[in-house]
Structures are given as structure tokens and as C-alpha cells.
Amino acid sequence: MKTLMAVMLCLGLSAPVLGAGKPVATPYAPARVLFDFYFDDPQKIGSALFWVRSLVNTLQSPPYDHPPEDNRVVVVIHGTEIVTVAKHNAAKYQEAVDRMRYYAGLGVSFKVCGQAMADFGYRIEDFQDFIEVVPNAITELAHWQQQGYALIVPQIQDKRFDIESIR
């Protein structure tokens, strides 16, 4: 066994040394981002808003410190989550509404599809005051992409495992 180890060392065949990860501070520019919210369950908006939070908080924190007015973030809402921004559902979706209102205060634009609005039987006055209604979500998504906005489509999965059980 000692002979084998000596031969391996001579040939440079030692056991691999495991290193550690290292932080990287990618030089992020202010954002021009478009989020496409189209969910099969209104409750998924809560998880999707964490995607918005991740973008906004990262860019407004050190080492980037981009002020809110430098970031351009648009959220287009056109799935079942449209019910979360209807005033009559405010109590049911209060946490999501409060979070959207907070991000709207930081300059995030929340836009509802006018066709989805009609499909759900809503009128413009049925929505929260931070909501803008656009003619059509698909046309709106194309418009912002043509303006150079990066498209992010949150993939919201049903959580089946807690972090501790799979760590």
C-alpha cells in the first residue's frame, strides 16, 4: 500500500483537494425587466412576488445601490392572479396587495390585461389604485421586449420538500 501511494504521488495522482465556492459580484446595471404573471392559481402570486423582490432588493443593495428610479420593472398580470388586485378581494389577498403596493412605490409598474379584465367581468374601477389596465397582455409583453426589456417568466412549483429535509 505504501508503494502504491508513493507511485501515485510521483505521478501526480493525489486525492483531489476540495475547494470552497467563492462570491462573485457581477457588475449589474440598472434593470429593464418585464415579468410575465400568468398562473393557474391566484395564490401563486405570492411566490412570484419573491422573484420581483429578488431583483429589486439585489439592485438596490450594496454593492450596486441603484436607486429605484434607475430601475425599470414592469409586471404584466393576465392569469387567475388578476383576482388578487380586485378591490373586493383585498382582504383575501391582503399580503400580496401590500407587497405589490410597496413595489409600486419603488417604481414597479403593475399592468393588468384588458381582455382578461373583461373575461373576469371586471371594470377598471374594480382594481387597486396602483394597477394600470392595458389592452392586451401578449401585445404588452411584445411591446416591452421590443424596448429591450428582459423577459422573466416565474416558474412557480408546488413545494413538496422543506429545505431541511433535502439539504
Foldseek 3Di string as FASTA:
>chain_A
DVVVVVVCVVVVNDDDDDDDDDDDDPQDFAALAEEEAADPDLVCLVVVLVVVVVNVVVCCDPPNNDQLVRHEAEYEHQYPVVVCFFPVCCVVNVVSVVSVVVVVVSVYQYEYAPVSCVVVPHDPVRGDPRYHYDPGRVVVVVVSVVVVHHYDYDDRDDDDDDPVVVD
